[in-house]
Protein backbone atom coordinates (compact mmCIF):
# COMPACT_ATOMS: atom_id res chain seq x y z
CA UNK A 1 -16.56 2.43 -8.40
CA UNK A 2 -14.06 5.19 -9.22
CA UNK A 3 -12.46 5.40 -12.63
CA UNK A 4 -9.46 3.15 -13.11
CA UNK A 5 -6.04 4.69 -13.57
CA UNK A 6 -3.21 2.97 -15.35
CA UNK A 7 -0.26 2.73 -13.01
CA UNK A 8 3.42 2.26 -13.68
CA UNK A 9 5.14 -0.91 -12.51
CA UNK A 10 6.64 0.78 -9.43
CA UNK A 11 3.39 2.45 -8.29
CA UNK A 12 1.69 -0.67 -6.95
CA UNK A 13 -2.02 -1.34 -7.32
CA UNK A 14 -5.21 -0.34 -5.50
CA UNK A 15 -8.44 -2.32 -5.41
CA UNK A 16 -11.75 -2.45 -3.53
CA UNK A 17 -12.06 -5.33 -1.09
CA UNK A 18 -15.10 -7.48 -1.92
CA UNK A 19 -17.82 -7.48 0.71
CA UNK A 20 -16.19 -4.72 2.74
CA UNK A 21 -16.29 -0.96 2.61
CA UNK A 22 -12.54 -0.49 2.15
CA UNK A 23 -9.74 -0.26 -0.38
CA UNK A 24 -6.38 -2.00 -0.31
CA UNK A 25 -3.11 -0.89 -1.87
CA UNK A 26 -0.37 -3.38 -2.70
CA UNK A 27 3.24 -2.93 -3.77
CA UNK A 28 5.81 -5.71 -4.20
CA UNK A 29 9.29 -5.27 -2.75
CA UNK A 30 11.87 -7.98 -3.44
CA UNK A 31 9.04 -10.44 -4.16
CA UNK A 32 7.18 -9.69 -0.93
CA UNK A 33 3.83 -7.91 -1.03
CA UNK A 34 3.40 -4.91 1.26
CA UNK A 35 -0.18 -3.73 1.80
CA UNK A 36 -2.05 -0.72 3.13
CA UNK A 37 -5.79 -0.43 3.82
CA UNK A 38 -8.10 2.60 3.93
CA UNK A 39 -11.77 3.58 3.83
CA UNK A 40 -11.50 5.60 0.60
CA UNK A 41 -9.52 5.23 -2.59
CA UNK A 42 -7.91 8.63 -2.02
CA UNK A 43 -6.66 7.58 1.42
CA UNK A 44 -5.38 4.27 0.05
CA UNK A 45 -3.53 6.11 -2.73
CA UNK A 46 -1.88 8.46 -0.23
CA UNK A 47 -0.92 5.63 2.13
CA UNK A 48 0.54 3.64 -0.77
CA UNK A 49 2.58 6.68 -1.89
CA UNK A 50 3.86 7.11 1.69
CA UNK A 51 4.81 3.42 1.86
CA UNK A 52 6.68 3.64 -1.44
CA UNK A 53 8.48 6.79 -0.26
CA UNK A 54 9.55 5.01 2.97
CA UNK A 55 10.84 2.06 0.97
CA UNK A 56 12.70 4.34 -1.49
CA UNK A 57 14.29 6.32 1.37
CA UNK A 58 15.69 3.15 2.92
CA UNK A 59 13.37 2.87 5.92
CA UNK A 60 13.04 -0.77 6.95
CA UNK A 61 9.29 -1.26 6.56
CA UNK A 62 9.39 -4.69 8.19
CA UNK A 63 11.03 -3.30 11.34
CA UNK A 64 8.58 -0.39 11.60
CA UNK A 65 5.69 -2.87 11.93
CA UNK A 66 7.31 -4.86 14.75
CA UNK A 67 6.04 -4.73 18.31
CA UNK A 68 8.18 -4.35 21.44
CA UNK A 69 8.34 -8.09 22.14
CA UNK A 70 10.03 -8.75 18.80
């Protein structure tokens, strides 16, 4: 397991998923958890940073995950 890093409140958290070979990053926005998943901790960290940047820039994360039917 990689060394733990203390994160600030607005940086979210990253953890290894039990029983699976993957990491998950979580950040809370207005009380709703937004998650990203990746094979490595480095990838999960980058995806979480990208998600936070999208949220900070005003991109509607909920709408970007919608399919054409919705």
